[in-house]
Structures are given as C-alpha cells and as structure tokens.
C-alpha cells in the first residue's frame, strides 16, 4: 500500500503570549514574554512566585458559564485551541458532517497532569465540609482524556477519542501517534495536541521542592533563559496547542490550505533515571524521527528544542543534538520558545508544534530570548534574542519528559 501522507491544515493556540495563533506568533517574533508574577493563587510563601499564565481568557466565549464550572481549566484551554484549529481548517462539524465523515475524524489531545487545581480544591472541600459535598462532576472535570471527550462531542467527531499522558512529551506524542493513525488508514483527520493548567499550590510547590523552577521572582520576564550561563530552572506555563492533521489527498479534495507536511516521528526511552536526563535517549529519538522521514541530518535547517532553561537539561539537549546531527549541528538554528511562554508540561508539545509549523510556513525562527551570557558548553546557534528570517525546508521538534520519555517530529515545507 502506498504510504499515506500527513499534512497540517489547521492550527489553534491559547498561550501565555496570546489567546490565538496570530497573537501568540506576533508576540514570539517580537520577543515579548508572557511570564509574570502568579495571580491564580497567593504564592508569597513559595520559593517560585512566577509563571506563564494565560491572560484575559474569557471561557464564556466558548462555553456556557454553568457548563464551564464542571470542567477544569485545562479543559477550557483545550476546547478553545481546538475551536480555533477546527475553524482554521474549515472542517465540517455537527449537522454538516455525514456519518461517513464523522467516523473518519478523531481527537487525541493529551495532558501531563490534567485537573490538578480541581483535585486540590476538591480535597479542601472534603476536609472542610465532608464527603457529601464532593461534586458529582469532580472526576469528569479533572481526568486527562476529557479535552478529547468534550471536543469530540462538541463537533460530532466519532473517530478515535483518546489522550496521551507522557509527562512533558504528551502533546508531541499525541501529534506523532495521530499522524501514524492517519498513515495507517485508521482515520483521515485527527485533532491532536496538548493542554495543561497547573499553576496551583501543588503544581508550583512540587516542582519548586524538586529545585526545578527558576526563583528569579524579581525579574519574571528574564527568568526563563535557555542556554544562558545563569539559568536557574524552568518557569511553569499553561495553555493549549492543537493541530488539525489530515491525509494529504483528503485535504486536497476539499481544497484545504496546507501549512506543512509531517514527515517523521521518533520516540525513545532514556532507561536511565526518572527525572535526570540522559544524552542517548534524546539522540535516539531525533535519529528515529529523521529515519522515519527518510532524510539526512544535513537536510534540517531549524530545530525547536525542548529547551526548558534547567542547568542540566539544556546542556544535555545540546549534547544530544550534537550526537544526532554530528558535524552539521553547528549549521542548525536552534530555538526555545519556552524563553517567552515558560514550560507548559503536557501542553508544551502542542503549542511548540504550532510554532514549529509556523516557522516552516513563514520562513522565520522566533528568538530564544534572555541569552545574556551564553553558556560556553552550550555552543550551538540558538537564535539569540532576535527573530531571524531564514530558509526552512525541514524543521525538527523535540520534547522530553520525566520517566525518560522522548519524542521528536519532523515538519517539511510544502
């Protein structure tokens, strides 16, 4: 059977730098940070008091307020991103869908942690008011697969309905695995990506206790500084990114616009440590993605890195890129949009794949901001501080997660 091709026909994004794809992209290119002092709870007593929060988000634009109360915030953000992606792709929905169409469109929108703030709030209700006051909506409001569930119901998509949960690789794995489903003929269209909203006492407190977060509280906008010598940890972010992936001939037949082609997907495990990174796992993930795409390392011009701004992680990824790309690593333009959005955990792969696709489409690399003193051990071209017009025929995107789980996808200009 001829290999079915997978293209991107729609994009949706809610992020700390904008509540739409266009706003997010414009702010990224301008180097504007979405990181500020936490407003969702009083973080005064916490070591880390900053985050990349989604601002001015009105859930009533997408859902009746009464209905929205029965969903955790990560679901709100995922629905909003999916709405934009579906509209952007011009997909038929609801009554406009035939039965034959409906069963060929699926949803796979993952999350790393899901409704953690809702779980925290419910625990407080239980302790203060007893078990009878636990909401009957508690479980469906907080479990991870409910973004996909609500989106499928919302639009009438009756194909596969699932969610990937692989820590900070969740969104990327959801996209790569969805592409495989299209390639193998299971579906013609998938909504794929990630959503996360864990700016909460346990979310911030847990990562802060692990010494993973930046404590540059007096200067939030420069706190996330990937590959800078003085980086001191990542900044937690929230949001959602969703791609519409579609079989190429199916997209052509309905006259859909095409942003890029997804040509490669690779996965691997470090098999090393539950939180500490290892070079071989990321190297293998990138190598697997390049092999799947049938391309050589020298064919890639741009790499949107995991680039979290942790001392160990950034150095490890740099070493892995060198190991995967060899002599051509220094000709790559590498960037981390987390310098402006913070780290969205399971949502990171979603928004960052949106940004990678736009980099290919617009032939521009966003900057990695806040590189004031580049770490001499991190010695690649990280597109420091200023966006760059450049030729991007092929781009690679990385995400890595706790448990030693790795994923890489390759997008091609079309």
Protein backbone atom coordinates (compact mmCIF):
# COMPACT_ATOMS: atom_id res chain seq x y z
CA UNK A 1 0.00 0.00 0.00
CA UNK A 2 1.26 3.48 -0.83
CA UNK A 3 2.25 5.43 2.28
CA UNK A 4 -0.46 7.94 3.16
CA UNK A 5 0.91 11.45 3.63
CA UNK A 6 0.01 13.64 6.60
CA UNK A 7 -0.31 17.42 6.39
CA UNK A 8 -1.26 20.18 8.82
CA UNK A 9 -4.42 22.02 7.77
CA UNK A 10 -5.41 23.85 10.95
CA UNK A 11 -3.79 25.46 14.00
CA UNK A 12 -5.17 26.54 17.36
CA UNK A 13 -3.36 28.04 20.32
CA UNK A 14 -4.00 29.59 23.73
CA UNK A 15 -0.75 30.55 25.40
CA UNK A 16 0.89 32.93 27.87
CA UNK A 17 1.86 35.13 24.90
CA UNK A 18 -1.56 35.23 23.24
CA UNK A 19 -5.02 33.72 23.16
CA UNK A 20 -4.92 33.00 19.42
CA UNK A 21 -2.36 31.63 16.99
CA UNK A 22 -1.84 35.05 15.38
CA UNK A 23 -1.36 36.91 18.66
CA UNK A 24 0.99 34.25 20.03
CA UNK A 25 3.11 34.20 16.89
CA UNK A 26 3.35 38.00 16.66
CA UNK A 27 4.45 38.27 20.28
CA UNK A 28 7.01 35.47 19.88
CA UNK A 29 8.60 37.14 16.87
CA UNK A 30 8.75 40.41 18.81
CA UNK A 31 10.41 38.66 21.75
CA UNK A 32 7.62 39.52 24.20
CA UNK A 33 7.47 37.42 27.34
CA UNK A 34 4.26 36.11 28.88
CA UNK A 35 5.85 35.42 32.26
CA UNK A 36 4.82 37.45 35.31
CA UNK A 37 4.02 37.18 39.00
CA UNK A 38 1.43 34.48 39.71
CA UNK A 39 -2.16 35.73 40.03
CA UNK A 40 -4.12 32.46 40.32
CA UNK A 41 -3.22 31.98 43.98
CA UNK A 42 -1.16 33.73 46.65
CA UNK A 43 2.37 32.50 46.03
CA UNK A 44 4.03 34.75 48.62
CA UNK A 45 5.34 31.85 50.69
CA UNK A 46 6.63 29.86 47.72
CA UNK A 47 10.23 29.80 46.51
CA UNK A 48 8.99 30.34 42.94
CA UNK A 49 6.37 33.07 42.57
CA UNK A 50 6.24 33.47 38.77
CA UNK A 51 4.55 31.64 35.90
CA UNK A 52 3.42 31.95 32.32
CA UNK A 53 -0.31 32.37 32.85
CA UNK A 54 -2.93 32.72 30.12
CA UNK A 55 -4.28 36.23 30.50
CA UNK A 56 -7.68 37.77 29.77
CA UNK A 57 -9.17 34.40 28.88
CA UNK A 58 -12.98 34.50 28.82
CA UNK A 59 -14.30 30.96 28.91
CA UNK A 60 -17.81 32.30 28.22
CA UNK A 61 -16.70 32.86 24.61
CA UNK A 62 -16.54 29.09 24.22
CA UNK A 63 -18.87 27.55 26.80
CA UNK A 64 -21.93 28.44 28.87
CA UNK A 65 -20.63 29.53 32.27
CA UNK A 66 -22.71 26.92 34.10
CA UNK A 67 -21.27 24.16 31.92
CA UNK A 68 -17.73 25.51 32.26
CA UNK A 69 -17.94 25.23 36.06
CA UNK A 70 -17.96 21.46 35.66
CA UNK A 71 -14.62 21.41 33.83
CA UNK A 72 -11.07 22.08 35.00
CA UNK A 73 -9.24 24.99 33.41
CA UNK A 74 -7.04 22.78 31.23
CA UNK A 75 -10.22 21.57 29.51
CA UNK A 76 -11.33 25.16 28.88
CA UNK A 77 -7.99 25.96 27.27
CA UNK A 78 -8.01 22.77 25.19
CA UNK A 79 -11.51 23.42 23.88
CA UNK A 80 -10.56 26.99 22.93
CA UNK A 81 -7.48 25.82 21.00
CA UNK A 82 -9.48 23.06 19.30
CA UNK A 83 -12.17 25.56 18.31
CA UNK A 84 -9.61 27.75 16.59
CA UNK A 85 -7.94 24.79 14.86
CA UNK A 86 -11.23 23.39 13.53
CA UNK A 87 -12.32 26.80 12.23
CA UNK A 88 -8.90 27.40 10.69
CA UNK A 89 -9.04 24.07 8.87
CA UNK A 90 -12.60 24.64 7.69
CA UNK A 91 -13.70 21.20 8.87
CA UNK A 92 -17.39 20.34 8.68
CA UNK A 93 -18.94 19.84 12.13
CA UNK A 94 -22.25 18.84 13.69
CA UNK A 95 -25.13 18.54 11.26
CA UNK A 96 -22.83 19.40 8.36
CA UNK A 97 -20.99 16.10 8.93
CA UNK A 98 -22.14 12.98 7.16
CA UNK A 99 -21.90 9.68 9.02
CA UNK A 100 -19.09 8.63 6.72
CA UNK A 101 -17.16 11.81 7.53
CA UNK A 102 -17.80 11.75 11.28
CA UNK A 103 -16.27 8.31 11.84
CA UNK A 104 -13.08 9.34 10.00
CA UNK A 105 -12.24 12.30 12.27
CA UNK A 106 -10.74 11.71 15.71
CA UNK A 107 -9.29 13.53 18.72
CA UNK A 108 -6.08 12.96 20.66
CA UNK A 109 -5.36 15.90 22.96
CA UNK A 110 -3.07 14.95 25.83
CA UNK A 111 -2.00 16.41 29.15
CA UNK A 112 0.72 15.68 31.64
CA UNK A 113 -1.17 16.29 34.88
CA UNK A 114 -4.71 17.37 33.95
CA UNK A 115 -7.01 18.90 36.53
CA UNK A 116 -4.60 19.26 39.44
CA UNK A 117 -6.10 22.55 40.74
CA UNK A 118 -9.57 20.96 40.71
CA UNK A 119 -8.23 18.00 42.68
CA UNK A 120 -6.66 20.38 45.21
CA UNK A 121 -9.88 22.37 45.59
CA UNK A 122 -11.96 19.21 45.99
CA UNK A 123 -9.65 17.91 48.70
CA UNK A 124 -10.17 21.17 50.58
CA UNK A 125 -13.96 20.83 50.25
CA UNK A 126 -13.78 17.28 51.57
CA UNK A 127 -11.64 18.21 54.58
CA UNK A 128 -13.72 21.24 55.49
CA UNK A 129 -17.24 20.04 54.64
CA UNK A 130 -17.15 16.25 54.39
CA UNK A 131 -17.58 13.63 51.65
CA UNK A 132 -21.17 14.52 50.80
CA UNK A 133 -20.04 17.88 49.47
CA UNK A 134 -17.74 16.37 46.84
CA UNK A 135 -19.12 17.39 43.45
CA UNK A 136 -20.58 14.65 41.25
CA UNK A 137 -18.70 16.38 38.44
CA UNK A 138 -15.34 16.01 40.21
CA UNK A 139 -13.99 13.02 38.30
CA UNK A 140 -15.08 14.02 34.76
CA UNK A 141 -13.94 17.59 35.43
CA UNK A 142 -10.35 16.58 36.12
CA UNK A 143 -9.37 13.44 34.19
CA UNK A 144 -6.96 13.90 31.31
CA UNK A 145 -8.93 12.45 28.40
CA UNK A 146 -11.81 14.89 28.84
CA UNK A 147 -10.43 17.53 26.45
CA UNK A 148 -10.70 14.99 23.64
CA UNK A 149 -14.04 13.82 25.00
CA UNK A 150 -15.61 17.27 25.06
CA UNK A 151 -14.14 18.21 21.69
CA UNK A 152 -15.48 15.07 20.01
CA UNK A 153 -18.96 15.70 21.46
CA UNK A 154 -18.80 19.40 20.58
CA UNK A 155 -18.10 18.79 16.90
CA UNK A 156 -19.62 15.35 16.34
CA UNK A 157 -16.29 13.66 15.57
CA UNK A 158 -16.81 9.92 16.04
CA UNK A 159 -13.38 8.57 15.17
CA UNK A 160 -10.75 7.60 17.77
CA UNK A 161 -11.14 9.54 21.02
CA UNK A 162 -8.10 9.29 23.28
CA UNK A 163 -5.41 11.18 25.14
CA UNK A 164 -1.69 10.64 25.58
CA UNK A 165 -0.11 11.14 29.01
CA UNK A 166 3.68 11.04 28.89
CA UNK A 167 4.64 13.97 31.14
CA UNK A 168 6.22 16.82 29.17
CA UNK A 169 6.17 14.82 25.93
CA UNK A 170 2.37 14.32 25.98
CA UNK A 171 1.42 16.91 23.36
CA UNK A 172 4.13 15.88 20.92
CA UNK A 173 3.42 12.17 21.34
CA UNK A 174 -0.27 12.86 20.72
CA UNK A 175 0.62 14.58 17.45
CA UNK A 176 3.08 11.93 16.29
CA UNK A 177 0.84 9.00 17.16
CA UNK A 178 -2.13 10.69 15.49
CA UNK A 179 -0.06 11.06 12.32
CA UNK A 180 0.66 7.33 12.44
CA UNK A 181 -3.07 6.61 12.66
CA UNK A 182 -3.64 8.63 9.50
CA UNK A 183 -0.71 6.98 7.73
CA UNK A 184 -2.12 3.54 8.52
CA UNK A 185 -5.60 4.43 7.30
CA UNK A 186 -7.44 4.36 10.62
CA UNK A 187 -8.70 7.92 10.09
CA UNK A 188 -8.49 10.77 7.61
CA UNK A 189 -8.30 13.64 10.13
CA UNK A 190 -7.10 13.98 13.72
CA UNK A 191 -7.22 16.89 16.14
CA UNK A 192 -4.01 16.44 18.09
CA UNK A 193 -2.02 18.34 20.68
CA UNK A 194 -1.88 19.06 24.39
CA UNK A 195 -3.38 21.18 27.16
CA UNK A 196 -2.19 21.98 30.67
CA UNK A 197 -3.07 24.29 33.55
CA UNK A 198 -1.28 23.50 36.80
CA UNK A 199 -0.38 26.96 38.11
CA UNK A 200 -1.54 25.96 41.59
CA UNK A 201 -0.03 25.45 45.04
CA UNK A 202 0.81 21.79 44.46
CA UNK A 203 1.96 22.37 40.89
CA UNK A 204 4.32 25.19 41.81
CA UNK A 205 5.20 23.69 45.20
CA UNK A 206 6.06 20.27 43.82
CA UNK A 207 8.43 21.50 41.14
CA UNK A 208 9.91 24.10 43.49
CA UNK A 209 10.65 21.41 46.08
CA UNK A 210 12.48 19.48 43.37
CA UNK A 211 14.60 22.62 42.76
CA UNK A 212 13.41 22.60 39.14
CA UNK A 213 11.92 26.12 38.98
CA UNK A 214 13.55 29.49 38.49
CA UNK A 215 13.40 31.67 41.59
CA UNK A 216 14.19 34.88 39.72
CA UNK A 217 10.98 36.35 41.15
CA UNK A 218 12.11 39.98 40.94
CA UNK A 219 12.56 39.79 37.15
CA UNK A 220 9.94 37.40 35.75
CA UNK A 221 10.37 38.26 32.08
CA UNK A 222 14.04 37.24 32.07
CA UNK A 223 13.63 34.21 34.35
CA UNK A 224 13.37 31.62 31.58
CA UNK A 225 16.76 31.79 29.90
CA UNK A 226 17.59 28.61 27.98
CA UNK A 227 21.30 28.04 27.33
CA UNK A 228 22.28 31.11 29.33
CA UNK A 229 25.13 30.61 31.77
CA UNK A 230 22.99 31.93 34.64
CA UNK A 231 19.83 29.88 34.05
CA UNK A 232 18.40 28.57 37.31
CA UNK A 233 15.40 26.46 36.33
CA UNK A 234 12.25 26.48 34.24
CA UNK A 235 9.16 28.65 34.62
CA UNK A 236 5.81 26.87 34.74
CA UNK A 237 3.35 27.84 32.00
CA UNK A 238 -0.19 26.97 30.98
CA UNK A 239 -2.14 26.82 27.74
CA UNK A 240 -3.01 24.56 24.83
CA UNK A 241 -1.95 23.93 21.26
CA UNK A 242 -3.93 21.82 18.77
CA UNK A 243 -3.12 20.84 15.19
CA UNK A 244 -5.51 19.51 12.59
CA UNK A 245 -3.64 16.66 10.91
CA UNK A 246 -5.10 15.40 7.65
CA UNK A 247 -4.36 12.87 4.96
CA UNK A 248 -2.92 14.79 2.02
CA UNK A 249 -5.34 13.66 -0.71
CA UNK A 250 -8.28 14.17 1.63
CA UNK A 251 -7.11 17.75 2.26
CA UNK A 252 -6.62 18.39 -1.46
CA UNK A 253 -10.04 17.03 -2.33
CA UNK A 254 -11.76 19.54 -0.07
CA UNK A 255 -9.49 22.43 -1.05
CA UNK A 256 -7.95 22.88 2.38
CA UNK A 257 -4.96 25.12 2.87
CA UNK A 258 -1.82 23.24 3.92
CA UNK A 259 0.70 24.67 6.38
CA UNK A 260 3.31 21.90 6.24
CA UNK A 261 3.73 18.15 5.94
CA UNK A 262 4.51 15.96 8.94
CA UNK A 263 7.08 13.58 7.51
CA UNK A 264 8.76 11.98 10.52
CA UNK A 265 8.12 10.85 14.08
CA UNK A 266 10.53 9.24 16.52
CA UNK A 267 10.32 8.03 20.11
CA UNK A 268 12.73 6.57 22.63
CA UNK A 269 13.39 5.96 26.31
CA UNK A 270 16.41 7.01 28.34
CA UNK A 271 16.13 3.90 30.56
CA UNK A 272 18.31 5.89 32.92
CA UNK A 273 16.59 7.91 35.69
CA UNK A 274 13.05 9.05 36.48
CA UNK A 275 13.89 12.78 36.31
CA UNK A 276 17.53 13.26 35.30
CA UNK A 277 18.14 13.34 31.53
CA UNK A 278 20.49 11.18 29.50
CA UNK A 279 22.07 12.02 26.13
CA UNK A 280 21.39 8.71 24.40
CA UNK A 281 17.60 8.80 24.74
CA UNK A 282 17.09 12.20 23.06
CA UNK A 283 19.72 11.36 20.44
CA UNK A 284 17.87 8.18 19.56
CA UNK A 285 14.52 9.99 19.40
CA UNK A 286 15.90 12.51 16.91
CA UNK A 287 17.64 9.80 14.90
CA UNK A 288 14.43 7.76 14.76
CA UNK A 289 12.44 10.78 13.54
CA UNK A 290 14.99 11.54 10.81
CA UNK A 291 15.00 7.89 9.75
CA UNK A 292 11.21 7.81 9.64
CA UNK A 293 11.26 10.94 7.48
CA UNK A 294 13.88 9.44 5.16
CA UNK A 295 16.11 12.48 5.45
CA UNK A 296 19.70 13.16 6.45
CA UNK A 297 20.73 15.40 9.38
CA UNK A 298 22.11 17.95 6.93
CA UNK A 299 18.65 18.40 5.39
CA UNK A 300 17.32 20.08 8.56
CA UNK A 301 17.68 23.84 8.95
CA UNK A 302 15.68 24.58 12.13
CA UNK A 303 15.15 22.81 15.44
CA UNK A 304 12.55 23.88 18.00
CA UNK A 305 14.13 22.46 21.13
CA UNK A 306 12.71 21.25 24.41
CA UNK A 307 14.95 23.96 25.90
CA UNK A 308 13.46 24.27 29.38
CA UNK A 309 16.10 26.55 30.99
CA UNK A 310 17.31 23.99 33.53
CA UNK A 311 21.08 23.76 34.06
CA UNK A 312 21.28 20.03 33.36
CA UNK A 313 18.54 19.72 30.75
CA UNK A 314 19.80 22.41 28.38
CA UNK A 315 23.32 21.05 28.38
CA UNK A 316 22.04 17.51 27.89
CA UNK A 317 19.91 18.51 24.89
CA UNK A 318 22.83 20.37 23.33
CA UNK A 319 24.99 17.25 23.64
CA UNK A 320 22.18 15.11 22.21
CA UNK A 321 21.75 17.43 19.21
CA UNK A 322 25.49 17.20 18.54
CA UNK A 323 25.33 13.42 18.83
CA UNK A 324 22.34 13.16 16.47
CA UNK A 325 23.48 15.71 13.88
CA UNK A 326 27.26 15.34 14.03
CA UNK A 327 29.25 17.92 12.10
CA UNK A 328 26.14 19.67 10.78
CA UNK A 329 24.84 20.51 14.26
CA UNK A 330 26.56 23.90 14.12
CA UNK A 331 24.71 24.84 10.94
CA UNK A 332 21.33 24.33 12.64
CA UNK A 333 19.32 27.22 14.01
CA UNK A 334 18.00 26.02 17.38
CA UNK A 335 15.49 27.92 19.45
CA UNK A 336 13.39 27.60 22.57
CA UNK A 337 10.08 29.41 22.66
CA UNK A 338 9.88 28.46 26.36
CA UNK A 339 12.04 31.54 26.95
CA UNK A 340 8.82 33.52 26.46
CA UNK A 341 5.98 31.09 27.27
CA UNK A 342 7.51 29.11 30.10
CA UNK A 343 7.13 25.33 30.18
CA UNK A 344 3.59 24.04 29.60
CA UNK A 345 4.43 20.46 30.61
CA UNK A 346 1.98 18.23 28.69
CA UNK A 347 0.82 21.25 26.69
CA UNK A 348 4.34 22.16 25.55
CA UNK A 349 4.40 19.89 22.51
CA UNK A 350 1.06 21.27 21.37
CA UNK A 351 1.93 24.96 21.29
CA UNK A 352 5.52 24.35 20.22
CA UNK A 353 4.46 22.22 17.27
CA UNK A 354 2.14 25.07 16.29
CA UNK A 355 5.14 27.42 16.44
CA UNK A 356 7.35 24.99 14.51
CA UNK A 357 4.78 24.68 11.73
CA UNK A 358 4.55 28.48 11.57
CA UNK A 359 8.33 28.74 11.39
CA UNK A 360 8.24 26.49 8.32
CA UNK A 361 5.29 28.31 6.80
CA UNK A 362 6.60 31.84 7.45
CA UNK A 363 10.31 31.05 6.98
CA UNK A 364 11.16 32.67 10.31
CA UNK A 365 12.74 31.47 13.52
CA UNK A 366 11.46 33.08 16.69
CA UNK A 367 14.24 34.16 19.03
CA UNK A 368 15.44 32.47 22.16
CA UNK A 369 15.19 35.45 24.48
CA UNK A 370 17.22 36.13 27.62
CA UNK A 371 20.52 34.78 26.38
CA UNK A 372 22.69 37.38 28.08
CA UNK A 373 25.79 35.24 28.68
CA UNK A 374 25.64 32.09 26.59
CA UNK A 375 26.87 29.03 28.40
CA UNK A 376 30.20 28.12 26.74
CA UNK A 377 29.26 24.44 26.99
CA UNK A 378 26.04 25.19 25.08
CA UNK A 379 27.72 26.30 21.89
CA UNK A 380 25.14 25.98 19.11
CA UNK A 381 23.29 28.74 17.26
CA UNK A 382 20.26 29.39 19.49
CA UNK A 383 18.87 32.37 17.53
CA UNK A 384 19.70 34.56 20.49
CA UNK A 385 17.35 37.42 21.32
CA UNK A 386 16.22 38.40 17.80
CA UNK A 387 13.92 36.65 15.34
CA UNK A 388 15.53 35.60 12.08
CA UNK A 389 14.30 35.34 8.50
CA UNK A 390 15.76 32.14 7.12
CA UNK A 391 15.20 29.27 4.75
CA UNK A 392 13.38 26.42 6.50
CA UNK A 393 12.59 23.48 4.27
CA UNK A 394 12.69 20.96 7.12
CA UNK A 395 12.27 21.50 10.86
CA UNK A 396 12.60 19.13 13.79
CA UNK A 397 10.78 19.49 17.12
CA UNK A 398 11.81 17.86 20.42
CA UNK A 399 10.07 17.22 23.71
CA UNK A 400 11.32 15.12 26.61
CA UNK A 401 9.61 14.10 29.85
CA UNK A 402 10.02 12.62 33.31
CA UNK A 403 10.39 8.88 33.21
CA UNK A 404 12.91 9.25 30.41
CA UNK A 405 10.31 9.52 27.63
CA UNK A 406 11.33 11.31 24.43
CA UNK A 407 9.64 12.38 21.22
CA UNK A 408 10.66 14.19 18.02
CA UNK A 409 8.65 15.16 14.95
CA UNK A 410 9.78 16.45 11.56
CA UNK A 411 7.84 19.00 9.51
CA UNK A 412 8.53 19.76 5.85
CA UNK A 413 7.69 22.77 3.74
CA UNK A 414 5.10 22.01 1.11
